[in-house]
Amino acid sequence: MGKFGLFGKLIAKDGERETLVNILLEAAESMENLDECEVYLVNVSSDEPNSVFVYEVWKDENAHKASLSLEVTQTLIQRAKPIIAGMERISTLLPIGGKSFT
């Protein structure tokens, strides 16, 4: 099984994008010592004031699924739910190589 990548979009309720960004940055920080997570990037767009984009690369799809059951992940999901107006999985990817952001 090869690497597993996701590119997703979360839409915050009006005025809540920065709060959502901060929660997602906490998620990224919680992944620092999780070897199975190779990339977790939080991005915003100047064209979409309520949107936050997350790019993730995992050792494999099972590693990503397992991360969703971690206590820290569940806590962050519960904090984010009330301020999320919508979500979209833009693409599931098969990462090949390149340079990661550090």
PDB file of N, CA and C in Angstrom:
ATOM      1  N   MET A   1       0.843  -1.173   0.000  1.00  0.00           N
ATOM      2  CA  MET A   1       0.000   0.000   0.000  1.00  0.00           C
ATOM      3  C   MET A   1       0.891   1.239   0.000  1.00  0.00           C
ATOM      4  N   GLY A   2       0.616   2.211  -0.893  1.00  0.00           N
ATOM      5  CA  GLY A   2       1.421   3.414  -1.007  1.00  0.00           C
ATOM      6  C   GLY A   2       0.938   4.523  -0.094  1.00  0.00           C
ATOM      7  N   LYS A   3       1.613   5.640  -0.193  1.00  0.00           N
ATOM      8  CA  LYS A   3       1.253   6.815   0.595  1.00  0.00           C
ATOM      9  C   LYS A   3      -0.167   7.254   0.254  1.00  0.00           C
ATOM     10  N   PHE A   4      -0.764   7.998   1.172  1.00  0.00           N
ATOM     11  CA  PHE A   4      -2.140   8.450   1.020  1.00  0.00           C
ATOM     12  C   PHE A   4      -2.186   9.949   1.254  1.00  0.00           C
ATOM     13  N   GLY A   5      -2.762  10.681   0.323  1.00  0.00           N
ATOM     14  CA  GLY A   5      -2.866  12.120   0.458  1.00  0.00           C
ATOM     15  C   GLY A   5      -4.296  12.591   0.354  1.00  0.00           C
ATOM     16  N   LEU A   6      -4.575  13.682   1.030  1.00  0.00           N
ATOM     17  CA  LEU A   6      -5.896  14.305   0.994  1.00  0.00           C
ATOM     18  C   LEU A   6      -5.745  15.796   0.811  1.00  0.00           C
ATOM     19  N   PHE A   7      -6.661  16.378   0.064  1.00  0.00           N
ATOM     20  CA  PHE A   7      -6.750  17.830  -0.036  1.00  0.00           C
ATOM     21  C   PHE A   7      -8.203  18.161   0.246  1.00  0.00           C
ATOM     22  N   GLY A   8      -8.429  18.853   1.351  1.00  0.00           N
ATOM     23  CA  GLY A   8      -9.791  19.143   1.775  1.00  0.00           C
ATOM     24  C   GLY A   8     -10.032  20.606   2.032  1.00  0.00           C
ATOM     25  N   LYS A   9     -11.293  20.952   2.028  1.00  0.00           N
ATOM     26  CA  LYS A   9     -11.719  22.337   2.257  1.00  0.00           C
ATOM     27  C   LYS A   9     -12.740  22.336   3.383  1.00  0.00           C
ATOM     28  N   LEU A  10     -12.489  23.174   4.375  1.00  0.00           N
ATOM     29  CA  LEU A  10     -13.438  23.377   5.459  1.00  0.00           C
ATOM     30  C   LEU A  10     -13.924  24.813   5.372  1.00  0.00           C
ATOM     31  N   ILE A  11     -15.225  25.003   5.503  1.00  0.00           N
ATOM     32  CA  ILE A  11     -15.807  26.337   5.427  1.00  0.00           C
ATOM     33  C   ILE A  11     -16.279  26.721   6.821  1.00  0.00           C
ATOM     34  N   ALA A  12     -15.692  27.789   7.333  1.00  0.00           N
ATOM     35  CA  ALA A  12     -16.047  28.260   8.667  1.00  0.00           C
ATOM     36  C   ALA A  12     -17.287  29.148   8.588  1.00  0.00           C
ATOM     37  N   LYS A  13     -18.022  29.174   9.673  1.00  0.00           N
ATOM     38  CA  LYS A  13     -19.133  30.125   9.772  1.00  0.00           C
ATOM     39  C   LYS A  13     -18.538  31.530   9.731  1.00  0.00           C
ATOM     40  N   ASP A  14     -19.345  32.499   9.297  1.00  0.00           N
ATOM     41  CA  ASP A  14     -18.874  33.875   9.183  1.00  0.00           C
ATOM     42  C   ASP A  14     -18.158  34.329  10.450  1.00  0.00           C
ATOM     43  N   GLY A  15     -16.968  34.888  10.261  1.00  0.00           N
ATOM     44  CA  GLY A  15     -16.187  35.426  11.368  1.00  0.00           C
ATOM     45  C   GLY A  15     -15.416  34.398  12.176  1.00  0.00           C
ATOM     46  N   GLU A  16     -15.470  33.132  11.796  1.00  0.00           N
ATOM     47  CA  GLU A  16     -14.839  32.077  12.588  1.00  0.00           C
ATOM     48  C   GLU A  16     -13.624  31.440  11.911  1.00  0.00           C
ATOM     49  N   ARG A  17     -13.191  31.970  10.760  1.00  0.00           N
ATOM     50  CA  ARG A  17     -12.083  31.313  10.055  1.00  0.00           C
ATOM     51  C   ARG A  17     -10.818  31.256  10.902  1.00  0.00           C
ATOM     52  N   GLU A  18     -10.460  32.335  11.568  1.00  0.00           N
ATOM     53  CA  GLU A  18      -9.222  32.334  12.355  1.00  0.00           C
ATOM     54  C   GLU A  18      -9.289  31.332  13.497  1.00  0.00           C
ATOM     55  N   THR A  19     -10.455  31.189  14.097  1.00  0.00           N
ATOM     56  CA  THR A  19     -10.610  30.184  15.149  1.00  0.00           C
ATOM     57  C   THR A  19     -10.408  28.792  14.575  1.00  0.00           C
ATOM     58  N   LEU A  20     -11.003  28.534  13.405  1.00  0.00           N
ATOM     59  CA  LEU A  20     -10.836  27.238  12.759  1.00  0.00           C
ATOM     60  C   LEU A  20      -9.378  26.996  12.377  1.00  0.00           C
ATOM     61  N   VAL A  21      -8.723  28.021  11.847  1.00  0.00           N
ATOM     62  CA  VAL A  21      -7.296  27.907  11.515  1.00  0.00           C
ATOM     63  C   VAL A  21      -6.496  27.517  12.741  1.00  0.00           C
ATOM     64  N   ASN A  22      -6.765  28.158  13.857  1.00  0.00           N
ATOM     65  CA  ASN A  22      -6.015  27.856  15.081  1.00  0.00           C
ATOM     66  C   ASN A  22      -6.248  26.430  15.557  1.00  0.00           C
ATOM     67  N   ILE A  23      -7.470  25.940  15.439  1.00  0.00           N
ATOM     68  CA  ILE A  23      -7.754  24.556  15.820  1.00  0.00           C
ATOM     69  C   ILE A  23      -6.995  23.598  14.904  1.00  0.00           C
ATOM     70  N   LEU A  24      -6.991  23.892  13.600  1.00  0.00           N
ATOM     71  CA  LEU A  24      -6.288  23.028  12.651  1.00  0.00           C
ATOM     72  C   LEU A  24      -4.774  23.096  12.843  1.00  0.00           C
ATOM     73  N   LEU A  25      -4.262  24.242  13.245  1.00  0.00           N
ATOM     74  CA  LEU A  25      -2.826  24.329  13.548  1.00  0.00           C
ATOM     75  C   LEU A  25      -2.493  23.521  14.806  1.00  0.00           C
ATOM     76  N   GLU A  26      -3.420  23.472  15.761  1.00  0.00           N
ATOM     77  CA  GLU A  26      -3.238  22.594  16.920  1.00  0.00           C
ATOM     78  C   GLU A  26      -3.193  21.136  16.464  1.00  0.00           C
ATOM     79  N   ALA A  27      -4.063  20.792  15.507  1.00  0.00           N
ATOM     80  CA  ALA A  27      -4.057  19.431  14.959  1.00  0.00           C
ATOM     81  C   ALA A  27      -2.707  19.135  14.320  1.00  0.00           C
ATOM     82  N   ALA A  28      -2.193  20.088  13.546  1.00  0.00           N
ATOM     83  CA  ALA A  28      -0.888  19.908  12.906  1.00  0.00           C
ATOM     84  C   ALA A  28       0.195  19.703  13.951  1.00  0.00           C
ATOM     85  N   GLU A  29       0.142  20.484  15.014  1.00  0.00           N
ATOM     86  CA  GLU A  29       1.132  20.346  16.093  1.00  0.00           C
ATOM     87  C   GLU A  29       1.028  18.977  16.757  1.00  0.00           C
ATOM     88  N   SER A  30      -0.192  18.478  16.910  1.00  0.00           N
ATOM     89  CA  SER A  30      -0.363  17.171  17.542  1.00  0.00           C
ATOM     90  C   SER A  30       0.178  16.048  16.655  1.00  0.00           C
ATOM     91  N   MET A  31       0.354  16.311  15.365  1.00  0.00           N
ATOM     92  CA  MET A  31       0.878  15.310  14.434  1.00  0.00           C
ATOM     93  C   MET A  31       2.410  15.299  14.377  1.00  0.00           C
ATOM     94  N   GLU A  32       3.054  16.271  15.012  1.00  0.00           N
ATOM     95  CA  GLU A  32       4.512  16.401  14.958  1.00  0.00           C
ATOM     96  C   GLU A  32       5.245  15.110  15.316  1.00  0.00           C
ATOM     97  N   ASN A  33       4.779  14.408  16.322  1.00  0.00           N
ATOM     98  CA  ASN A  33       5.465  13.197  16.770  1.00  0.00           C
ATOM     99  C   ASN A  33       4.812  11.917  16.250  1.00  0.00           C
ATOM    100  N   LEU A  34       3.914  12.074  15.304  1.00  0.00           N
ATOM    101  CA  LEU A  34       3.236  10.927  14.711  1.00  0.00           C
ATOM    102  C   LEU A  34       3.902  10.633  13.372  1.00  0.00           C
ATOM    103  N   ASP A  35       4.782   9.623  13.371  1.00  0.00           N
ATOM    104  CA  ASP A  35       5.573   9.320  12.176  1.00  0.00           C
ATOM    105  C   ASP A  35       4.730   9.013  10.948  1.00  0.00           C
ATOM    106  N   GLU A  36       3.535   8.484  11.151  1.00  0.00           N
ATOM    107  CA  GLU A  36       2.676   8.120  10.025  1.00  0.00           C
ATOM    108  C   GLU A  36       2.169   9.336   9.259  1.00  0.00           C
ATOM    109  N   CYS A  37       2.149  10.496   9.912  1.00  0.00           N
ATOM    110  CA  CYS A  37       1.731  11.742   9.259  1.00  0.00           C
ATOM    111  C   CYS A  37       2.979  12.439   8.735  1.00  0.00           C
ATOM    112  N   GLU A  38       3.087  12.525   7.418  1.00  0.00           N
ATOM    113  CA  GLU A  38       4.280  13.104   6.800  1.00  0.00           C
ATOM    114  C   GLU A  38       4.116  14.585   6.478  1.00  0.00           C
ATOM    115  N   VAL A  39       2.902  15.007   6.173  1.00  0.00           N
ATOM    116  CA  VAL A  39       2.621  16.412   5.864  1.00  0.00           C
ATOM    117  C   VAL A  39       1.222  16.743   6.373  1.00  0.00           C
ATOM    118  N   TYR A  40       1.087  17.887   7.025  1.00  0.00           N
ATOM    119  CA  TYR A  40      -0.227  18.396   7.438  1.00  0.00           C
ATOM    120  C   TYR A  40      -0.145  19.907   7.343  1.00  0.00           C
ATOM    121  N   LEU A  41      -0.610  20.449   6.235  1.00  0.00           N
ATOM    122  CA  LEU A  41      -0.494  21.879   5.971  1.00  0.00           C
ATOM    123  C   LEU A  41      -1.860  22.550   6.005  1.00  0.00           C
ATOM    124  N   VAL A  42      -1.930  23.647   6.716  1.00  0.00           N
ATOM    125  CA  VAL A  42      -3.154  24.437   6.819  1.00  0.00           C
ATOM    126  C   VAL A  42      -2.964  25.680   5.955  1.00  0.00           C
ATOM    127  N   ASN A  43      -3.939  25.943   5.094  1.00  0.00           N
ATOM    128  CA  ASN A  43      -3.842  27.045   4.129  1.00  0.00           C
ATOM    129  C   ASN A  43      -5.127  27.855   4.124  1.00  0.00           C
ATOM    130  N   VAL A  44      -5.014  29.147   3.806  1.00  0.00           N
ATOM    131  CA  VAL A  44      -6.192  29.985   3.587  1.00  0.00           C
ATOM    132  C   VAL A  44      -6.083  30.620   2.209  1.00  0.00           C
ATOM    133  N   SER A  45      -7.220  31.095   1.721  1.00  0.00           N
ATOM    134  CA  SER A  45      -7.286  31.726   0.414  1.00  0.00           C
ATOM    135  C   SER A  45      -7.785  33.154   0.568  1.00  0.00           C
ATOM    136  N   SER A  46      -7.160  34.075  -0.136  1.00  0.00           N
ATOM    137  CA  SER A  46      -7.631  35.457  -0.099  1.00  0.00           C
ATOM    138  C   SER A  46      -8.932  35.613  -0.881  1.00  0.00           C
ATOM    139  N   ASP A  47      -9.248  34.636  -1.729  1.00  0.00           N
ATOM    140  CA  ASP A  47     -10.476  34.688  -2.530  1.00  0.00           C
ATOM    141  C   ASP A  47     -11.696  34.119  -1.810  1.00  0.00           C
ATOM    142  N   GLU A  48     -11.472  33.332  -0.771  1.00  0.00           N
ATOM    143  CA  GLU A  48     -12.573  32.692  -0.049  1.00  0.00           C
ATOM    144  C   GLU A  48     -12.390  32.956   1.451  1.00  0.00           C
ATOM    145  N   PRO A  49     -12.979  34.039   1.940  1.00  0.00           N
ATOM    146  CA  PRO A  49     -12.700  34.486   3.316  1.00  0.00           C
ATOM    147  C   PRO A  49     -13.142  33.544   4.428  1.00  0.00           C
ATOM    148  N   ASN A  50     -13.982  32.556   4.139  1.00  0.00           N
ATOM    149  CA  ASN A  50     -14.411  31.614   5.174  1.00  0.00           C
ATOM    150  C   ASN A  50     -13.793  30.232   5.016  1.00  0.00           C
ATOM    151  N   SER A  51     -12.970  30.042   3.996  1.00  0.00           N
ATOM    152  CA  SER A  51     -12.443  28.717   3.686  1.00  0.00           C
ATOM    153  C   SER A  51     -11.048  28.478   4.248  1.00  0.00           C
ATOM    154  N   VAL A  52     -10.832  27.240   4.670  1.00  0.00           N
ATOM    155  CA  VAL A  52      -9.521  26.772   5.109  1.00  0.00           C
ATOM    156  C   VAL A  52      -9.256  25.468   4.355  1.00  0.00           C
ATOM    157  N   PHE A  53      -8.082  25.357   3.777  1.00  0.00           N
ATOM    158  CA  PHE A  53      -7.714  24.181   3.008  1.00  0.00           C
ATOM    159  C   PHE A  53      -6.641  23.408   3.773  1.00  0.00           C
ATOM    160  N   VAL A  54      -6.780  22.100   3.807  1.00  0.00           N
ATOM    161  CA  VAL A  54      -5.807  21.259   4.503  1.00  0.00           C
ATOM    162  C   VAL A  54      -5.269  20.223   3.521  1.00  0.00           C
ATOM    163  N   TYR A  55      -3.952  20.151   3.441  1.00  0.00           N
ATOM    164  CA  TYR A  55      -3.267  19.156   2.617  1.00  0.00           C
ATOM    165  C   TYR A  55      -2.552  18.207   3.561  1.00  0.00           C
ATOM    166  N   GLU A  56      -2.838  16.918   3.411  1.00  0.00           N
ATOM    167  CA  GLU A  56      -2.269  15.901   4.291  1.00  0.00           C
ATOM    168  C   GLU A  56      -1.601  14.802   3.469  1.00  0.00           C
ATOM    169  N   VAL A  57      -0.475  14.292   3.963  1.00  0.00           N
ATOM    170  CA  VAL A  57       0.152  13.097   3.402  1.00  0.00           C
ATOM    171  C   VAL A  57       0.416  12.145   4.559  1.00  0.00           C
ATOM    172  N   TRP A  58      -0.031  10.895   4.370  1.00  0.00           N
ATOM    173  CA  TRP A  58       0.081   9.861   5.385  1.00  0.00           C
ATOM    174  C   TRP A  58       0.850   8.675   4.841  1.00  0.00           C
ATOM    175  N   LYS A  59       1.421   7.902   5.738  1.00  0.00           N
ATOM    176  CA  LYS A  59       2.147   6.682   5.357  1.00  0.00           C
ATOM    177  C   LYS A  59       1.262   5.801   4.477  1.00  0.00           C
ATOM    178  N   ASP A  60      -0.001   5.688   4.844  1.00  0.00           N
ATOM    179  CA  ASP A  60      -0.985   4.946   4.053  1.00  0.00           C
ATOM    180  C   ASP A  60      -2.379   5.338   4.541  1.00  0.00           C
ATOM    181  N   GLU A  61      -3.383   4.843   3.861  1.00  0.00           N
ATOM    182  CA  GLU A  61      -4.759   5.210   4.205  1.00  0.00           C
ATOM    183  C   GLU A  61      -5.150   4.737   5.602  1.00  0.00           C
ATOM    184  N   ASN A  62      -4.666   3.580   6.011  1.00  0.00           N
ATOM    185  CA  ASN A  62      -4.977   3.079   7.352  1.00  0.00           C
ATOM    186  C   ASN A  62      -4.435   3.988   8.444  1.00  0.00           C
ATOM    187  N   ALA A  63      -3.270   4.579   8.218  1.00  0.00           N
ATOM    188  CA  ALA A  63      -2.692   5.503   9.201  1.00  0.00           C
ATOM    189  C   ALA A  63      -3.585   6.728   9.358  1.00  0.00           C
ATOM    190  N   HIS A  64      -4.113   7.213   8.244  1.00  0.00           N
ATOM    191  CA  HIS A  64      -5.026   8.355   8.316  1.00  0.00           C
ATOM    192  C   HIS A  64      -6.287   7.982   9.093  1.00  0.00           C
ATOM    193  N   LYS A  65      -6.871   6.852   8.774  1.00  0.00           N
ATOM    194  CA  LYS A  65      -8.083   6.411   9.476  1.00  0.00           C
ATOM    195  C   LYS A  65      -7.823   6.250  10.967  1.00  0.00           C
ATOM    196  N   ALA A  66      -6.686   5.679  11.318  1.00  0.00           N
ATOM    197  CA  ALA A  66      -6.352   5.487  12.736  1.00  0.00           C
ATOM    198  C   ALA A  66      -6.205   6.819  13.465  1.00  0.00           C
ATOM    199  N   SER A  67      -5.696   7.836  12.775  1.00  0.00           N
ATOM    200  CA  SER A  67      -5.501   9.143  13.412  1.00  0.00           C
ATOM    201  C   SER A  67      -6.821   9.773  13.834  1.00  0.00           C
ATOM    202  N   LEU A  68      -7.880   9.436  13.139  1.00  0.00           N
ATOM    203  CA  LEU A  68      -9.182  10.019  13.452  1.00  0.00           C
ATOM    204  C   LEU A  68      -9.747   9.518  14.777  1.00  0.00           C
ATOM    205  N   SER A  69      -9.234   8.406  15.274  1.00  0.00           N
ATOM    206  CA  SER A  69      -9.723   7.867  16.540  1.00  0.00           C
ATOM    207  C   SER A  69      -8.870   8.287  17.737  1.00  0.00           C
ATOM    208  N   LEU A  70      -7.774   9.005  17.482  1.00  0.00           N
ATOM    209  CA  LEU A  70      -6.934   9.469  18.591  1.00  0.00           C
ATOM    210  C   LEU A  70      -7.716  10.440  19.473  1.00  0.00           C
ATOM    211  N   GLU A  71      -7.472  10.401  20.753  1.00  0.00           N
ATOM    212  CA  GLU A  71      -8.181  11.274  21.690  1.00  0.00           C
ATOM    213  C   GLU A  71      -7.988  12.747  21.343  1.00  0.00           C
ATOM    214  N   VAL A  72      -6.763  13.148  21.030  1.00  0.00           N
ATOM    215  CA  VAL A  72      -6.510  14.559  20.702  1.00  0.00           C
ATOM    216  C   VAL A  72      -7.279  14.962  19.452  1.00  0.00           C
ATOM    217  N   THR A  73      -7.350  14.076  18.474  1.00  0.00           N
ATOM    218  CA  THR A  73      -8.085  14.377  17.247  1.00  0.00           C
ATOM    219  C   THR A  73      -9.571  14.527  17.542  1.00  0.00           C
ATOM    220  N   GLN A  74     -10.115  13.619  18.335  1.00  0.00           N
ATOM    221  CA  GLN A  74     -11.534  13.688  18.673  1.00  0.00           C
ATOM    222  C   GLN A  74     -11.866  14.971  19.442  1.00  0.00           C
ATOM    223  N   THR A  75     -10.989  15.388  20.331  1.00  0.00           N
ATOM    224  CA  THR A  75     -11.192  16.625  21.083  1.00  0.00           C
ATOM    225  C   THR A  75     -11.212  17.827  20.147  1.00  0.00           C
ATOM    226  N   LEU A  76     -10.260  17.872  19.214  1.00  0.00           N
ATOM    227  CA  LEU A  76     -10.204  18.992  18.272  1.00  0.00           C
ATOM    228  C   LEU A  76     -11.411  18.998  17.334  1.00  0.00           C
ATOM    229  N   ILE A  77     -11.853  17.827  16.913  1.00  0.00           N
ATOM    230  CA  ILE A  77     -13.048  17.739  16.065  1.00  0.00           C
ATOM    231  C   ILE A  77     -14.260  18.308  16.811  1.00  0.00           C
ATOM    232  N   GLN A  78     -14.400  17.953  18.069  1.00  0.00           N
ATOM    233  CA  GLN A  78     -15.536  18.454  18.852  1.00  0.00           C
ATOM    234  C   GLN A  78     -15.483  19.973  19.012  1.00  0.00           C
ATOM    235  N   ARG A  79     -14.294  20.524  19.147  1.00  0.00           N
ATOM    236  CA  ARG A  79     -14.149  21.986  19.252  1.00  0.00           C
ATOM    237  C   ARG A  79     -14.465  22.679  17.931  1.00  0.00           C
ATOM    238  N   ALA A  80     -14.124  22.032  16.820  1.00  0.00           N
ATOM    239  CA  ALA A  80     -14.314  22.646  15.504  1.00  0.00           C
ATOM    240  C   ALA A  80     -15.743  22.535  14.983  1.00  0.00           C
ATOM    241  N   LYS A  81     -16.428  21.467  15.313  1.00  0.00           N
ATOM    242  CA  LYS A  81     -17.767  21.222  14.752  1.00  0.00           C
ATOM    243  C   LYS A  81     -18.713  22.421  14.816  1.00  0.00           C
ATOM    244  N   PRO A  82     -18.811  23.118  15.950  1.00  0.00           N
ATOM    245  CA  PRO A  82     -19.791  24.215  16.027  1.00  0.00           C
ATOM    246  C   PRO A  82     -19.495  25.400  15.092  1.00  0.00           C
ATOM    247  N   ILE A  83     -18.268  25.512  14.611  1.00  0.00           N
ATOM    248  CA  ILE A  83     -17.941  26.660  13.762  1.00  0.00           C
ATOM    249  C   ILE A  83     -17.746  26.272  12.293  1.00  0.00           C
ATOM    250  N   ILE A  84     -17.994  25.021  11.955  1.00  0.00           N
ATOM    251  CA  ILE A  84     -17.852  24.571  10.574  1.00  0.00           C
ATOM    252  C   ILE A  84     -19.215  24.620   9.882  1.00  0.00           C
ATOM    253  N   ALA A  85     -19.268  25.375   8.778  1.00  0.00           N
ATOM    254  CA  ALA A  85     -20.496  25.491   7.992  1.00  0.00           C
ATOM    255  C   ALA A  85     -20.556  24.426   6.896  1.00  0.00           C
ATOM    256  N   GLY A  86     -19.386  23.897   6.500  1.00  0.00           N
ATOM    257  CA  GLY A  86     -19.366  22.891   5.452  1.00  0.00           C
ATOM    258  C   GLY A  86     -17.983  22.317   5.274  1.00  0.00           C
ATOM    259  N   MET A  87     -17.941  21.162   4.600  1.00  0.00           N
ATOM    260  CA  MET A  87     -16.669  20.492   4.323  1.00  0.00           C
ATOM    261  C   MET A  87     -16.742  19.883   2.937  1.00  0.00           C
ATOM    262  N   GLU A  88     -15.570  19.809   2.310  1.00  0.00           N
ATOM    263  CA  GLU A  88     -15.495  19.197   0.985  1.00  0.00           C
ATOM    264  C   GLU A  88     -14.155  18.494   0.836  1.00  0.00           C
ATOM    265  N   ARG A  89     -14.185  17.243   0.416  1.00  0.00           N
ATOM    266  CA  ARG A  89     -12.941  16.546   0.078  1.00  0.00           C
ATOM    267  C   ARG A  89     -12.674  16.874  -1.381  1.00  0.00           C
ATOM    268  N   ILE A  90     -11.699  17.732  -1.607  1.00  0.00           N
ATOM    269  CA  ILE A  90     -11.399  18.154  -2.973  1.00  0.00           C
ATOM    270  C   ILE A  90     -10.811  17.005  -3.763  1.00  0.00           C
ATOM    271  N   SER A  91      -9.877  16.289  -3.143  1.00  0.00           N
ATOM    272  CA  SER A  91      -9.252  15.181  -3.855  1.00  0.00           C
ATOM    273  C   SER A  91      -8.562  14.239  -2.884  1.00  0.00           C
ATOM    274  N   THR A  92      -8.565  12.969  -3.256  1.00  0.00           N
ATOM    275  CA  THR A  92      -7.738  11.969  -2.608  1.00  0.00           C
ATOM    276  C   THR A  92      -6.568  11.747  -3.552  1.00  0.00           C
ATOM    277  N   LEU A  93      -5.371  11.736  -3.013  1.00  0.00           N
ATOM    278  CA  LEU A  93      -4.172  11.728  -3.843  1.00  0.00           C
ATOM    279  C   LEU A  93      -3.272  10.542  -3.531  1.00  0.00           C
ATOM    280  N   LEU A  94      -2.429  10.206  -4.494  1.00  0.00           N
ATOM    281  CA  LEU A  94      -1.380   9.204  -4.308  1.00  0.00           C
ATOM    282  C   LEU A  94      -0.043   9.931  -4.434  1.00  0.00           C
ATOM    283  N   PRO A  95       0.492  10.446  -3.322  1.00  0.00           N
ATOM    284  CA  PRO A  95       1.742  11.201  -3.374  1.00  0.00           C
ATOM    285  C   PRO A  95       2.892  10.369  -3.940  1.00  0.00           C
ATOM    286  N   ILE A  96       3.689  11.006  -4.781  1.00  0.00           N
ATOM    287  CA  ILE A  96       4.809  10.345  -5.438  1.00  0.00           C
ATOM    288  C   ILE A  96       6.144  10.808  -4.854  1.00  0.00           C
ATOM    289  N   GLY A  97       6.315  12.104  -4.659  1.00  0.00           N
ATOM    290  CA  GLY A  97       7.565  12.619  -4.136  1.00  0.00           C
ATOM    291  C   GLY A  97       7.624  14.121  -4.240  1.00  0.00           C
ATOM    292  N   GLY A  98       8.706  14.700  -3.809  1.00  0.00           N
ATOM    293  CA  GLY A  98       8.891  16.143  -3.849  1.00  0.00           C
ATOM    294  C   GLY A  98       9.453  16.639  -2.532  1.00  0.00           C
ATOM    295  N   LYS A  99       9.217  17.890  -2.268  1.00  0.00           N
ATOM    296  CA  LYS A  99       9.725  18.534  -1.055  1.00  0.00           C
ATOM    297  C   LYS A  99       8.548  18.863  -0.148  1.00  0.00           C
ATOM    298  N   SER A 100       8.664  18.564   1.130  1.00  0.00           N
ATOM    299  CA  SER A 100       7.594  18.891   2.061  1.00  0.00           C
ATOM    300  C   SER A 100       7.924  20.202   2.771  1.00  0.00           C
ATOM    301  N   PHE A 101       6.906  20.825   3.274  1.00  0.00           N
ATOM    302  CA  PHE A 101       6.999  22.106   3.977  1.00  0.00           C
ATOM    303  C   PHE A 101       7.360  21.842   5.426  1.00  0.00           C
ATOM    304  N   THR A 102       8.390  22.505   5.911  1.00  0.00           N
ATOM    305  CA  THR A 102       8.745  22.362   7.329  1.00  0.00           C
ATOM    306  C   THR A 102       8.947  23.705   7.959  1.00  0.00           C
TER     307      THR A 102
END
